[in-house]
Amino acid sequence: MKLLFGHIGKYKAASILSPVFKLLEACFELIVPLIVAGMIDQGINKGDMGYVKSRIFILVLFAVVGFAVAITAQYFAAYSACGISSSIRKSMHDKLQSLSIADYEKIGSSSAVTLLTSDVNQIQTGINLFLRLLLRSPFIVVGACIMAATVKPSMALVFAGCTLLLTVVIALNMKFSIVRHRESREGLDGLVKKTANGIAGERVIRGFNKTEADYEKFETKSKSLNKSQIKAADFAAWLNPLTYAVVNLSICLLIYRGAIHFNSGTLTDGQVVALYNYMSQILIELVKLANLIVSVSRAYACLKRAESLMEIKSTANSGAMVLEASKPLSLTMKNVSFTYQGNQEESVKDFSIDIKPGETIGIIGSTGCGKSTVAALMSGIYNCTEGEVLIGGVDIKEIALSSLSSSVGMSLQKTRLFKGSLKDNITLGREGLSDEDISRACSTSCSDDVVSSKKEGLEYVISDGGAGLSGGQRQRIGIARALAGKPGIVILDDSTSALDWGTEKRLLGNLKELPQKPTVILISQKVRTCMNCDRIILMDDGRIEAVASHEELLKISENYRYLNSLQVSGGAV
């Protein structure tokens, strides 16, 4: 509940006013049966129509004022629920953004999506109902018992017994339903994850005729979710009928005993009507309270999931050092090893290299040798398991994230583009970038022809994922994104794989002509991409096999000569 209380803030007044107005409305409702009883006993039975008309006027007045009070209470409840849930959603989003990639992978994208959407909606609904009913319903139940006692003290025992029994029923329901609702939310996470994977891999699934197999996996997840939801619904399903049964039996007992007292002359017909009305109020409010318990139990389960997210201790770098912007930087890796979470085998093993400022380094090796992992360690996406990574002589863990992101520009093989203009996809919200910076980045990355081919230029709006652009065009936009901030280190992780040789050659030449002379890390499987680098790191199974220029590697490395013979001498692209 700390998460909830921490976000009440400016909604504290509204959160108090909503129950207060609801209690005021409840007071009107508790007085109404007494007015009706008086109208029957003092007005109708004695033929005093003036008294009846005065009581009718009071009832109409109560209805008008009660309506206004109820609307006001609803407004404050909705205002508080929407505001608090929105604040919780923002906090969770900020928390996700502050986590490292390793932390985020523990949570999973499916859980993150469910938390930010469905779970927050459930919390909002729970807060709304809580403010509107949690005080009102018990107040009316207890108040009806007290008012019944003022009418006939001996009859109040029926009300007290009914209330006590239903309190036990509701408490037991809440105890078991919270666990079931938490399980159903976890089942929803699994279904969302399976759905997202199926949509992302749609082409591959269809291409290999695995649609039926994918559907079977989806059906399995769906059935699992269905079972957990049925278990959660079971507790809610019997709560309303049981509530009705207990209250209706109490009404039967009330009418039976009321008839006995009426015949003996100790109860008037107006008082019997008042007692019946109070029991009916208890019935209505307990049914509302039962439904409230179901919704609040679901919201509480979602709130606990949200609190679990907020309690995660981020392993992201939290340093404060600031590197000098737009200056070529050195990059040193000392005995670096790295193991992905859940894996037993190291992906990078005892990796050591000292890269000088302004140097161009190539990293080459077969698929799965650890090239992209090294790139992720160089850029700070992952923290090494052993060893240390230094940028500009400073441990990467001690560098402020804002400084690290501006000092290291990285482009991946698969560029992720977002719905918006080309300019927005290049700047990614970086306000300090000038039009000149963007134009130079486009020119250097050879994406200027992509911009010029569009009538709107940089304002051309692309759809999510960059549909309508070729793989090579998306890669060039991604490279422009990495270069726009004029970083001191540029890492291209196989981000020229979709480019033809002419465009790639022009791009590599443009990188050498950059005025700030950044340190460039070229990662590729193609020899000719790296052959003109100052040095080339040849990797094999997560280790450095050799570090030398292209000509020297041809002399000292059998593996490199083999790659060269396949790609360059053999004419492969």
Protein backbone atom coordinates (compact mmCIF):
# COMPACT_ATOMS: atom_id res chain seq x y z
CA MET A 1 0.00 0.00 0.00
CA LYS A 2 3.03 2.29 0.22
CA LEU A 3 2.88 2.77 -3.54
CA LEU A 4 -0.74 3.89 -3.35
CA PHE A 5 -0.25 6.27 -0.43
CA GLY A 6 2.84 7.71 -2.09
CA HIS A 7 0.78 8.90 -5.06
CA ILE A 8 -2.25 10.39 -3.30
CA GLY A 9 -0.48 13.75 -3.05
CA LYS A 10 -2.61 16.51 -4.61
CA TYR A 11 -5.58 14.13 -4.75
CA LYS A 12 -5.71 13.87 -0.95
CA ALA A 13 -8.50 16.45 -0.61
CA ALA A 14 -10.63 14.82 -3.30
CA SER A 15 -9.99 11.39 -1.77
CA ILE A 16 -11.39 12.67 1.55
CA LEU A 17 -14.29 14.67 0.10
CA SER A 18 -15.67 11.77 -1.93
CA PRO A 19 -16.32 9.50 1.09
CA VAL A 20 -17.57 12.48 3.10
CA PHE A 21 -20.23 13.31 0.50
CA LYS A 22 -21.12 9.63 0.27
CA LEU A 23 -21.61 9.50 4.04
CA LEU A 24 -23.83 12.60 3.81
CA GLU A 25 -25.91 10.84 1.16
CA ALA A 26 -26.10 7.77 3.42
CA CYS A 27 -27.42 9.89 6.30
CA PHE A 28 -30.33 11.00 4.12
CA GLU A 29 -31.09 7.38 3.23
CA LEU A 30 -31.10 6.29 6.87
CA ILE A 31 -33.59 9.00 7.85
CA VAL A 32 -36.02 8.20 5.01
CA PRO A 33 -37.55 5.00 6.61
CA LEU A 34 -38.34 6.94 9.80
CA ILE A 35 -40.07 9.65 7.78
CA VAL A 36 -42.08 7.00 5.91
CA ALA A 37 -42.99 5.31 9.22
CA GLY A 38 -44.19 8.63 10.65
CA MET A 39 -46.16 9.34 7.48
CA ILE A 40 -47.98 6.00 7.89
CA ASP A 41 -48.58 6.18 11.64
CA GLN A 42 -49.16 9.90 12.10
CA GLY A 43 -50.55 10.85 8.72
CA ILE A 44 -52.29 8.07 6.83
CA ASN A 45 -53.66 6.13 9.84
CA LYS A 46 -54.99 9.34 11.46
CA GLY A 47 -56.17 10.93 8.19
CA ASP A 48 -53.88 13.96 8.61
CA MET A 49 -53.16 14.79 4.92
CA GLY A 50 -51.31 17.98 5.85
CA TYR A 51 -48.77 15.89 7.75
CA VAL A 52 -48.49 13.50 4.76
CA LYS A 53 -47.88 16.39 2.33
CA SER A 54 -45.19 17.89 4.58
CA ARG A 55 -43.39 14.54 4.74
CA ILE A 56 -43.66 14.14 0.95
CA PHE A 57 -42.05 17.57 0.54
CA ILE A 58 -39.22 16.53 2.87
CA LEU A 59 -38.69 13.30 0.89
CA VAL A 60 -38.53 15.23 -2.40
CA LEU A 61 -36.06 17.67 -0.85
CA PHE A 62 -33.94 14.76 0.40
CA ALA A 63 -34.00 13.23 -3.11
CA VAL A 64 -32.82 16.46 -4.79
CA VAL A 65 -30.10 17.18 -2.25
CA GLY A 66 -29.06 13.51 -2.18
CA PHE A 67 -28.75 13.48 -5.98
CA ALA A 68 -26.50 16.56 -5.94
CA VAL A 69 -24.40 15.10 -3.14
CA ALA A 70 -24.08 11.75 -4.96
CA ILE A 71 -22.95 13.44 -8.21
CA THR A 72 -20.36 15.47 -6.29
CA ALA A 73 -19.06 12.35 -4.57
CA GLN A 74 -18.85 10.51 -7.90
CA TYR A 75 -16.87 13.38 -9.41
CA PHE A 76 -14.32 13.46 -6.60
CA ALA A 77 -13.97 9.66 -6.69
CA ALA A 78 -13.40 9.61 -10.46
CA TYR A 79 -10.99 12.56 -10.25
CA SER A 80 -8.93 10.86 -7.54
CA ALA A 81 -8.98 7.41 -9.16
CA CYS A 82 -7.87 8.69 -12.58
CA GLY A 83 -5.22 10.99 -11.13
CA ILE A 84 -3.71 8.45 -8.73
CA SER A 85 -3.68 5.63 -11.29
CA SER A 86 -2.12 7.94 -13.88
CA SER A 87 0.58 8.88 -11.39
CA ILE A 88 1.23 5.20 -10.59
CA ARG A 89 1.47 4.40 -14.31
CA LYS A 90 3.99 7.20 -14.83
CA SER A 91 6.06 6.00 -11.87
CA MET A 92 6.14 2.45 -13.24
CA HIS A 93 7.07 3.73 -16.70
CA ASP A 94 9.88 5.82 -15.22
CA LYS A 95 11.02 2.80 -13.19
CA LEU A 96 11.14 0.63 -16.31
CA GLN A 97 13.17 3.31 -18.08
CA SER A 98 15.64 3.45 -15.20
CA LEU A 99 16.28 -0.30 -15.18
CA SER A 100 19.18 -1.91 -16.96
CA ILE A 101 18.56 -4.21 -19.90
CA ALA A 102 19.30 -7.19 -17.64
CA ASP A 103 16.70 -5.99 -15.12
CA TYR A 104 14.15 -5.45 -17.88
CA GLU A 105 14.74 -8.94 -19.24
CA LYS A 106 13.89 -10.37 -15.80
CA ILE A 107 10.50 -8.65 -15.93
CA GLY A 108 9.73 -9.36 -19.57
CA SER A 109 7.98 -7.12 -22.07
CA SER A 110 4.67 -8.94 -21.62
CA SER A 111 4.59 -8.25 -17.88
CA ALA A 112 5.59 -4.63 -18.49
CA VAL A 113 2.74 -4.14 -20.98
CA THR A 114 0.21 -5.80 -18.66
CA LEU A 115 1.37 -3.71 -15.70
CA LEU A 116 1.10 -0.40 -17.57
CA THR A 117 -2.29 -1.15 -19.11
CA SER A 118 -4.60 -3.77 -17.63
CA ASP A 119 -3.19 -3.72 -14.09
CA VAL A 120 -3.36 0.07 -13.81
CA ASN A 121 -6.94 0.02 -15.12
CA GLN A 122 -7.85 -2.49 -12.41
CA ILE A 123 -6.19 -0.28 -9.77
CA GLN A 124 -8.15 2.73 -11.06
CA THR A 125 -11.45 0.84 -10.85
CA GLY A 126 -10.60 -0.40 -7.37
CA ILE A 127 -9.78 3.12 -6.10
CA ASN A 128 -13.00 4.50 -7.58
CA LEU A 129 -15.18 1.86 -5.94
CA PHE A 130 -13.19 2.08 -2.71
CA LEU A 131 -13.82 5.81 -2.33
CA ARG A 132 -17.48 5.52 -3.26
CA LEU A 133 -18.54 2.45 -1.34
CA LEU A 134 -16.07 1.29 1.26
CA LEU A 135 -17.23 3.79 3.90
CA ARG A 136 -20.78 4.22 2.63
CA SER A 137 -21.78 0.55 2.65
CA PRO A 138 -20.52 -0.30 6.17
CA PHE A 139 -21.91 3.03 7.41
CA ILE A 140 -25.39 2.21 6.10
CA VAL A 141 -25.20 -1.38 7.40
CA VAL A 142 -24.18 -0.28 10.89
CA GLY A 143 -26.46 2.74 10.75
CA ALA A 144 -29.44 0.60 9.73
CA CYS A 145 -28.79 -1.68 12.71
CA ILE A 146 -28.64 1.33 15.06
CA MET A 147 -31.76 2.91 13.57
CA ALA A 148 -33.57 -0.44 13.82
CA ALA A 149 -32.61 -0.58 17.48
CA THR A 150 -34.22 2.83 18.03
CA VAL A 151 -37.42 1.49 16.47
CA LYS A 152 -37.45 -1.84 18.33
CA PRO A 153 -34.36 -2.88 20.35
CA SER A 154 -35.23 -6.60 20.40
CA MET A 155 -35.51 -6.67 16.59
CA ALA A 156 -32.01 -5.26 16.23
CA LEU A 157 -30.62 -8.71 17.09
CA VAL A 158 -31.80 -9.95 13.69
CA PHE A 159 -29.86 -7.14 12.01
CA ALA A 160 -26.74 -7.74 14.10
CA GLY A 161 -26.73 -11.50 13.43
CA CYS A 162 -27.19 -10.98 9.70
CA THR A 163 -24.37 -8.40 9.54
CA LEU A 164 -21.96 -10.53 11.58
CA LEU A 165 -22.53 -13.63 9.44
CA LEU A 166 -22.04 -11.77 6.17
CA THR A 167 -18.90 -10.05 7.48
CA VAL A 168 -17.33 -13.48 8.04
CA VAL A 169 -18.38 -14.62 4.55
CA ILE A 170 -16.91 -11.52 2.87
CA ALA A 171 -13.65 -11.75 4.84
CA LEU A 172 -13.12 -15.38 3.82
CA ASN A 173 -13.90 -14.56 0.21
CA MET A 174 -11.39 -11.74 0.15
CA LYS A 175 -8.69 -13.90 1.75
CA PHE A 176 -8.83 -16.56 -0.97
CA SER A 177 -9.75 -14.42 -3.96
CA ILE A 178 -6.65 -12.19 -3.80
CA VAL A 179 -4.38 -15.21 -4.43
CA ARG A 180 -6.56 -16.39 -7.32
CA HIS A 181 -6.59 -12.95 -8.94
CA ARG A 182 -2.80 -12.72 -8.72
CA GLU A 183 -2.50 -16.09 -10.48
CA SER A 184 -4.88 -14.95 -13.23
CA ARG A 185 -2.78 -11.80 -13.84
CA GLU A 186 0.34 -13.94 -14.19
CA GLY A 187 -1.54 -16.13 -16.67
CA LEU A 188 -2.44 -13.00 -18.62
CA ASP A 189 1.28 -12.10 -18.75
CA GLY A 190 2.01 -15.47 -20.37
CA LEU A 191 -0.74 -15.04 -22.95
CA VAL A 192 0.39 -11.51 -23.84
CA LYS A 193 3.96 -12.74 -24.27
CA LYS A 194 2.88 -15.60 -26.53
CA THR A 195 0.69 -13.28 -28.58
CA ALA A 196 3.49 -10.70 -28.98
CA ASN A 197 5.96 -13.38 -30.06
CA GLY A 198 3.46 -14.79 -32.55
CA ILE A 199 2.78 -11.40 -34.11
CA ALA A 200 6.49 -10.48 -34.26
CA GLY A 201 7.37 -13.79 -35.93
CA GLU A 202 4.35 -13.96 -38.23
CA ARG A 203 6.37 -14.09 -41.44
CA VAL A 204 8.67 -16.82 -40.17
CA ILE A 205 5.75 -18.84 -38.80
CA ARG A 206 3.90 -18.70 -42.10
CA GLY A 207 7.04 -19.20 -44.13
CA PHE A 208 7.76 -22.49 -42.36
CA ASN A 209 4.10 -23.52 -42.27
CA LYS A 210 4.01 -23.47 -38.46
CA THR A 211 0.73 -21.58 -38.11
CA GLU A 212 -1.06 -24.59 -36.65
CA ALA A 213 1.75 -25.27 -34.16
CA ASP A 214 1.75 -21.61 -33.09
CA TYR A 215 -2.02 -21.73 -32.64
CA GLU A 216 -1.70 -24.81 -30.44
CA LYS A 217 0.79 -23.00 -28.20
CA PHE A 218 -1.54 -20.00 -28.03
CA GLU A 219 -4.47 -22.27 -27.20
CA THR A 220 -2.48 -23.88 -24.38
CA LYS A 221 -1.72 -20.48 -22.85
CA SER A 222 -5.31 -19.38 -23.36
CA LYS A 223 -6.71 -22.47 -21.63
CA SER A 224 -4.29 -22.00 -18.74
CA LEU A 225 -5.47 -18.40 -18.34
CA ASN A 226 -9.07 -19.55 -18.60
CA LYS A 227 -8.60 -22.04 -15.76
CA SER A 228 -7.00 -19.45 -13.49
CA GLN A 229 -9.75 -16.94 -14.26
CA ILE A 230 -12.44 -19.54 -13.54
CA LYS A 231 -10.81 -20.27 -10.17
CA ALA A 232 -10.79 -16.55 -9.39
CA ALA A 233 -14.41 -16.18 -10.56
CA ASP A 234 -15.58 -19.15 -8.48
CA PHE A 235 -15.13 -17.18 -5.26
CA ALA A 236 -16.97 -14.18 -6.68
CA ALA A 237 -19.75 -16.36 -8.15
CA TRP A 238 -21.06 -17.69 -4.84
CA LEU A 239 -20.65 -14.46 -2.90
CA ASN A 240 -23.75 -12.64 -4.26
CA PRO A 241 -26.13 -15.64 -3.98
CA LEU A 242 -24.94 -16.35 -0.45
CA THR A 243 -25.39 -12.69 0.46
CA TYR A 244 -28.94 -12.67 -0.94
CA ALA A 245 -29.75 -15.94 0.85
CA VAL A 246 -28.60 -14.72 4.25
CA VAL A 247 -30.31 -11.32 3.97
CA ASN A 248 -33.58 -12.72 2.57
CA LEU A 249 -33.74 -15.31 5.36
CA SER A 250 -33.19 -12.46 7.80
CA ILE A 251 -36.05 -10.55 6.15
CA CYS A 252 -38.30 -13.59 6.56
CA LEU A 253 -37.37 -13.80 10.24
CA LEU A 254 -37.90 -10.05 10.60
CA ILE A 255 -41.39 -10.20 9.07
CA TYR A 256 -42.30 -13.21 11.19
CA ARG A 257 -41.24 -11.58 14.45
CA GLY A 258 -42.64 -8.23 13.34
CA ALA A 259 -46.05 -9.83 12.78
CA ILE A 260 -45.98 -11.28 16.30
CA HIS A 261 -45.13 -7.87 17.82
CA PHE A 262 -47.72 -6.16 15.62
CA ASN A 263 -50.46 -8.54 16.81
CA SER A 264 -49.46 -7.95 20.42
CA GLY A 265 -49.57 -4.18 19.83
CA THR A 266 -45.90 -3.49 20.58
CA LEU A 267 -45.16 -2.52 16.94
CA THR A 268 -47.09 -0.24 14.61
CA ASP A 269 -47.50 -0.93 10.92
CA GLY A 270 -45.29 2.09 10.14
CA GLN A 271 -42.52 0.69 12.33
CA VAL A 272 -42.75 -2.69 10.58
CA VAL A 273 -42.35 -0.91 7.23
CA ALA A 274 -39.35 1.02 8.61
CA LEU A 275 -37.67 -2.18 9.83
CA TYR A 276 -38.28 -3.84 6.47
CA ASN A 277 -36.79 -0.81 4.67
CA TYR A 278 -33.71 -0.93 6.89
CA MET A 279 -33.25 -4.62 6.16
CA SER A 280 -33.64 -3.90 2.44
CA GLN A 281 -30.97 -1.20 2.71
CA ILE A 282 -28.67 -3.72 4.37
CA LEU A 283 -29.35 -6.18 1.55
CA ILE A 284 -28.53 -3.65 -1.16
CA GLU A 285 -25.40 -2.35 0.55
CA LEU A 286 -24.04 -5.80 1.35
CA VAL A 287 -24.49 -6.85 -2.28
CA LYS A 288 -22.62 -3.68 -3.28
CA LEU A 289 -19.98 -4.44 -0.67
CA ALA A 290 -19.61 -8.00 -1.98
CA ASN A 291 -19.01 -6.71 -5.51
CA LEU A 292 -16.67 -4.10 -4.09
CA ILE A 293 -14.63 -6.79 -2.35
CA VAL A 294 -14.23 -8.67 -5.65
CA SER A 295 -13.05 -5.52 -7.46
CA VAL A 296 -10.81 -4.37 -4.61
CA SER A 297 -9.28 -7.86 -4.31
CA ARG A 298 -8.43 -7.75 -8.00
CA ALA A 299 -7.06 -4.22 -7.69
CA TYR A 300 -5.02 -5.18 -4.62
CA ALA A 301 -3.45 -8.09 -6.49
CA CYS A 302 -2.52 -5.70 -9.33
CA LEU A 303 -1.19 -3.17 -6.81
CA LYS A 304 1.08 -5.81 -5.26
CA ARG A 305 2.46 -6.61 -8.74
CA ALA A 306 3.12 -2.90 -9.27
CA GLU A 307 4.86 -2.66 -5.90
CA SER A 308 7.04 -5.65 -6.83
CA LEU A 309 8.20 -3.72 -9.89
CA MET A 310 8.91 -0.56 -7.91
CA GLU A 311 10.93 -2.54 -5.33
CA ILE A 312 13.38 -3.86 -7.93
CA LYS A 313 16.84 -2.47 -7.29
CA SER A 314 18.21 -1.29 -10.60
CA THR A 315 21.62 -2.54 -11.67
CA ALA A 316 21.91 0.27 -14.23
CA ASN A 317 24.94 2.52 -14.01
CA SER A 318 24.37 5.31 -11.52
CA GLY A 319 27.63 7.22 -11.87
CA ALA A 320 27.99 11.00 -11.96
CA MET A 321 31.10 11.50 -14.11
CA VAL A 322 30.57 13.61 -17.23
CA LEU A 323 32.74 13.08 -20.30
CA GLU A 324 33.77 15.88 -22.62
CA ALA A 325 31.24 16.04 -25.47
CA SER A 326 32.21 15.58 -29.15
CA LYS A 327 35.76 14.58 -28.28
CA PRO A 328 37.32 11.33 -29.53
CA LEU A 329 37.56 8.96 -26.59
CA SER A 330 39.71 5.99 -25.72
CA LEU A 331 38.07 2.66 -24.92
CA THR A 332 39.74 0.03 -22.78
CA MET A 333 38.52 -3.43 -21.80
CA LYS A 334 40.49 -5.29 -19.15
CA ASN A 335 39.94 -9.02 -18.70
CA VAL A 336 36.23 -8.64 -19.42
CA SER A 337 33.95 -11.65 -19.14
CA PHE A 338 30.17 -11.76 -19.43
CA THR A 339 27.45 -14.35 -18.88
CA TYR A 340 23.84 -13.80 -19.86
CA GLN A 341 21.28 -14.33 -17.12
CA GLY A 342 20.17 -17.95 -16.99
CA ASN A 343 23.16 -19.20 -19.00
CA GLN A 344 25.93 -21.33 -17.61
CA GLU A 345 28.50 -20.63 -20.31
CA GLU A 346 30.27 -17.30 -20.71
CA SER A 347 29.48 -15.42 -23.92
CA VAL A 348 32.60 -13.26 -23.64
CA LYS A 349 35.75 -14.61 -22.00
CA ASP A 350 38.81 -12.69 -20.78
CA PHE A 351 38.43 -9.94 -23.41
CA SER A 352 41.15 -7.26 -23.26
CA ILE A 353 41.78 -4.45 -25.74
CA ASP A 354 43.09 -0.88 -25.57
CA ILE A 355 41.62 1.40 -28.25
CA LYS A 356 43.17 4.83 -28.72
CA PRO A 357 41.11 8.01 -29.33
CA GLY A 358 40.26 8.42 -33.03
CA GLU A 359 41.28 4.87 -33.91
CA THR A 360 39.11 2.75 -36.21
CA ILE A 361 38.75 -0.82 -35.01
CA GLY A 362 37.06 -3.72 -36.76
CA ILE A 363 35.63 -6.73 -34.94
CA ILE A 364 35.05 -9.81 -37.05
CA GLY A 365 34.23 -13.42 -36.46
CA SER A 366 31.74 -16.15 -37.20
CA THR A 367 28.09 -16.01 -36.15
CA GLY A 368 27.66 -16.46 -32.40
CA CYS A 369 31.24 -15.69 -31.47
CA GLY A 370 30.22 -12.80 -29.18
CA LYS A 371 30.69 -9.71 -31.38
CA SER A 372 27.35 -8.09 -30.53
CA THR A 373 27.83 -8.89 -26.84
CA VAL A 374 31.15 -7.05 -26.90
CA ALA A 375 29.40 -4.08 -28.56
CA ALA A 376 26.75 -4.12 -25.80
CA LEU A 377 29.50 -4.14 -23.14
CA MET A 378 31.35 -1.29 -24.85
CA SER A 379 28.22 0.87 -24.95
CA GLY A 380 27.12 0.09 -21.38
CA ILE A 381 23.96 -1.75 -22.38
CA TYR A 382 25.22 -4.63 -20.25
CA ASN A 383 27.67 -4.53 -17.37
CA CYS A 384 30.47 -7.05 -17.50
CA THR A 385 30.40 -9.98 -15.09
CA GLU A 386 34.15 -9.73 -14.53
CA GLY A 387 36.79 -7.20 -15.47
CA GLU A 388 36.21 -3.54 -16.27
CA VAL A 389 35.38 -1.27 -19.21
CA LEU A 390 36.93 2.20 -19.34
CA ILE A 391 35.86 5.08 -21.58
CA GLY A 392 38.19 8.05 -21.62
CA GLY A 393 40.02 6.41 -18.72
CA VAL A 394 36.85 6.37 -16.58
CA ASP A 395 35.10 3.19 -15.46
CA ILE A 396 31.88 2.98 -17.46
CA LYS A 397 29.92 2.32 -14.25
CA GLU A 398 31.01 5.73 -12.91
CA ILE A 399 29.80 7.67 -15.96
CA ALA A 400 26.42 9.41 -15.82
CA LEU A 401 23.89 7.77 -18.15
CA SER A 402 23.16 11.05 -19.91
CA SER A 403 26.86 11.58 -20.59
CA LEU A 404 27.35 7.95 -21.68
CA SER A 405 24.46 8.09 -24.17
CA SER A 406 25.78 11.33 -25.69
CA SER A 407 29.39 10.11 -25.80
CA VAL A 408 28.70 6.69 -27.35
CA GLY A 409 26.61 6.45 -30.50
CA MET A 410 25.49 2.94 -31.44
CA SER A 411 23.66 1.54 -34.45
CA LEU A 412 22.39 -2.03 -34.56
CA GLN A 413 21.88 -4.44 -37.43
CA LYS A 414 18.11 -4.33 -36.96
CA THR A 415 17.18 -0.68 -36.67
CA ARG A 416 13.99 0.01 -34.72
CA LEU A 417 12.05 2.89 -36.23
CA PHE A 418 9.01 4.50 -34.62
CA LYS A 419 5.86 6.06 -35.99
CA GLY A 420 6.68 9.68 -36.71
CA SER A 421 8.77 11.84 -39.01
CA LEU A 422 12.24 10.89 -40.24
CA LYS A 423 13.56 13.82 -38.22
CA ASP A 424 11.96 12.54 -35.02
CA ASN A 425 13.43 9.08 -35.64
CA ILE A 426 16.90 10.58 -36.00
CA THR A 427 16.75 13.01 -33.07
CA LEU A 428 14.81 10.74 -30.66
CA GLY A 429 13.78 13.82 -28.70
CA ARG A 430 17.30 15.22 -28.28
CA GLU A 431 16.58 18.94 -28.18
CA GLY A 432 20.21 20.03 -28.53
CA LEU A 433 20.56 18.78 -32.11
CA SER A 434 20.63 21.50 -34.76
CA ASP A 435 19.43 21.17 -38.34
CA GLU A 436 23.08 21.26 -39.38
CA ASP A 437 23.89 18.29 -37.13
CA ILE A 438 21.00 16.30 -38.61
CA SER A 439 21.94 17.22 -42.18
CA ARG A 440 25.59 16.22 -41.60
CA ALA A 441 24.53 12.91 -40.01
CA CYS A 442 22.28 12.14 -43.00
CA SER A 443 25.03 12.98 -45.43
CA THR A 444 27.65 10.91 -43.59
CA SER A 445 25.33 7.90 -43.28
CA CYS A 446 24.36 8.13 -46.96
CA SER A 447 20.71 8.51 -45.94
CA ASP A 448 20.45 11.92 -47.60
CA ASP A 449 19.14 10.22 -50.74
CA VAL A 450 16.39 8.62 -48.62
CA VAL A 451 15.40 12.07 -47.35
CA SER A 452 15.59 13.72 -50.78
CA SER A 453 13.43 10.98 -52.34
CA LYS A 454 10.53 12.01 -50.10
CA LYS A 455 8.47 15.05 -50.97
CA GLU A 456 8.24 16.11 -47.30
CA GLY A 457 11.96 15.54 -46.71
CA LEU A 458 12.81 15.07 -43.03
CA GLU A 459 9.16 15.68 -42.15
CA TYR A 460 8.10 12.54 -44.03
CA VAL A 461 6.08 10.42 -41.61
CA ILE A 462 6.83 6.71 -41.46
CA SER A 463 4.72 4.03 -39.83
CA ASP A 464 5.73 1.94 -36.83
CA GLY A 465 8.68 -0.31 -37.66
CA GLY A 466 9.58 1.72 -40.75
CA ALA A 467 7.21 -0.08 -43.12
CA GLY A 468 7.75 1.25 -46.65
CA LEU A 469 11.51 1.61 -46.18
CA SER A 470 13.96 -1.05 -47.29
CA GLY A 471 16.32 -2.78 -44.88
CA GLY A 472 19.24 -0.73 -46.14
CA GLN A 473 17.31 2.53 -45.79
CA ARG A 474 16.35 1.66 -42.22
CA GLN A 475 19.97 0.85 -41.40
CA ARG A 476 21.17 4.17 -42.79
CA ILE A 477 18.57 6.07 -40.76
CA GLY A 478 19.81 4.17 -37.71
CA ILE A 479 23.41 5.18 -38.46
CA ALA A 480 22.33 8.81 -38.88
CA ARG A 481 20.65 8.54 -35.47
CA ALA A 482 23.96 7.36 -33.93
CA LEU A 483 26.00 10.11 -35.62
CA ALA A 484 23.64 13.08 -35.09
CA GLY A 485 24.86 13.80 -31.56
CA LYS A 486 28.53 13.87 -32.67
CA PRO A 487 29.60 11.21 -30.14
CA GLY A 488 33.21 10.55 -29.25
CA ILE A 489 32.76 6.81 -29.91
CA VAL A 490 30.71 5.35 -32.78
CA ILE A 491 29.79 1.66 -32.67
CA LEU A 492 28.26 0.10 -35.79
CA ASP A 493 27.11 -3.40 -34.87
CA ASP A 494 26.73 -5.09 -38.26
CA SER A 495 24.60 -2.11 -39.28
CA THR A 496 25.89 -2.15 -42.88
CA SER A 497 24.81 -5.73 -43.60
CA ALA A 498 21.91 -4.64 -45.86
CA LEU A 499 23.95 -2.07 -47.80
CA ASP A 500 25.37 -2.67 -51.26
CA TRP A 501 29.13 -2.45 -51.54
CA GLY A 502 29.10 0.95 -53.25
CA THR A 503 26.99 2.57 -50.52
CA GLU A 504 28.94 0.85 -47.77
CA LYS A 505 32.26 2.01 -49.24
CA ARG A 506 30.98 5.60 -49.42
CA LEU A 507 29.75 5.38 -45.81
CA LEU A 508 33.08 4.07 -44.53
CA GLY A 509 34.87 6.86 -46.37
CA ASN A 510 32.53 9.47 -44.86
CA LEU A 511 33.26 8.19 -41.35
CA LYS A 512 36.97 8.91 -41.85
CA GLU A 513 36.12 12.49 -42.88
CA LEU A 514 34.10 13.36 -39.78
CA PRO A 515 35.45 16.64 -38.30
CA GLN A 516 35.39 15.39 -34.69
CA LYS A 517 37.41 12.26 -35.67
CA PRO A 518 35.52 9.86 -33.38
CA THR A 519 36.73 6.46 -32.30
CA VAL A 520 34.93 4.02 -34.63
CA ILE A 521 34.12 0.37 -33.85
CA LEU A 522 33.01 -1.58 -36.92
CA ILE A 523 31.48 -4.98 -36.19
CA SER A 524 30.82 -7.18 -39.18
CA GLN A 525 30.99 -10.65 -40.65
CA LYS A 526 32.34 -9.22 -43.89
CA VAL A 527 36.10 -8.94 -44.28
CA ARG A 528 35.99 -6.08 -46.73
CA THR A 529 34.00 -3.95 -44.26
CA CYS A 530 36.87 -4.12 -41.77
CA MET A 531 39.89 -4.53 -44.02
CA ASN A 532 40.82 -0.82 -44.01
CA CYS A 533 40.53 -0.43 -40.23
CA ASP A 534 43.60 0.51 -38.21
CA ARG A 535 43.31 -2.80 -36.38
CA ILE A 536 41.00 -5.79 -36.58
CA ILE A 537 39.94 -7.95 -33.65
CA LEU A 538 39.37 -11.54 -34.75
CA MET A 539 37.01 -13.31 -32.33
CA ASP A 540 36.30 -16.99 -31.82
CA ASP A 541 33.98 -18.46 -29.20
CA GLY A 542 33.88 -15.29 -27.09
CA ARG A 543 37.65 -14.83 -27.03
CA ILE A 544 40.14 -12.70 -28.92
CA GLU A 545 42.07 -14.91 -31.29
CA ALA A 546 44.21 -12.15 -32.78
CA VAL A 547 44.47 -8.35 -33.07
CA ALA A 548 46.29 -6.86 -36.05
CA SER A 549 45.84 -5.06 -39.36
CA HIS A 550 44.29 -6.83 -42.33
CA GLU A 551 47.66 -7.62 -43.92
CA GLU A 552 49.14 -8.94 -40.68
CA LEU A 553 46.11 -11.12 -39.92
CA LEU A 554 46.48 -12.73 -43.33
CA LYS A 555 49.96 -13.76 -42.28
CA ILE A 556 49.33 -14.94 -38.72
CA SER A 557 45.78 -16.32 -38.66
CA GLU A 558 44.56 -19.43 -40.44
CA ASN A 559 40.92 -18.60 -39.64
CA TYR A 560 41.21 -15.08 -41.05
CA ARG A 561 42.84 -16.36 -44.25
CA TYR A 562 39.96 -18.79 -44.59
CA LEU A 563 37.37 -16.03 -44.18
CA ASN A 564 39.24 -13.84 -46.63
CA SER A 565 39.45 -16.63 -49.20
CA LEU A 566 35.69 -17.24 -48.97
CA GLN A 567 34.60 -13.62 -49.10
CA VAL A 568 37.23 -11.57 -50.89
CA SER A 569 39.26 -13.98 -52.96
CA GLY A 570 36.15 -16.02 -53.73
CA GLY A 571 34.19 -12.94 -54.63
CA ALA A 572 31.49 -13.33 -52.02
CA VAL A 573 29.62 -10.24 -50.90
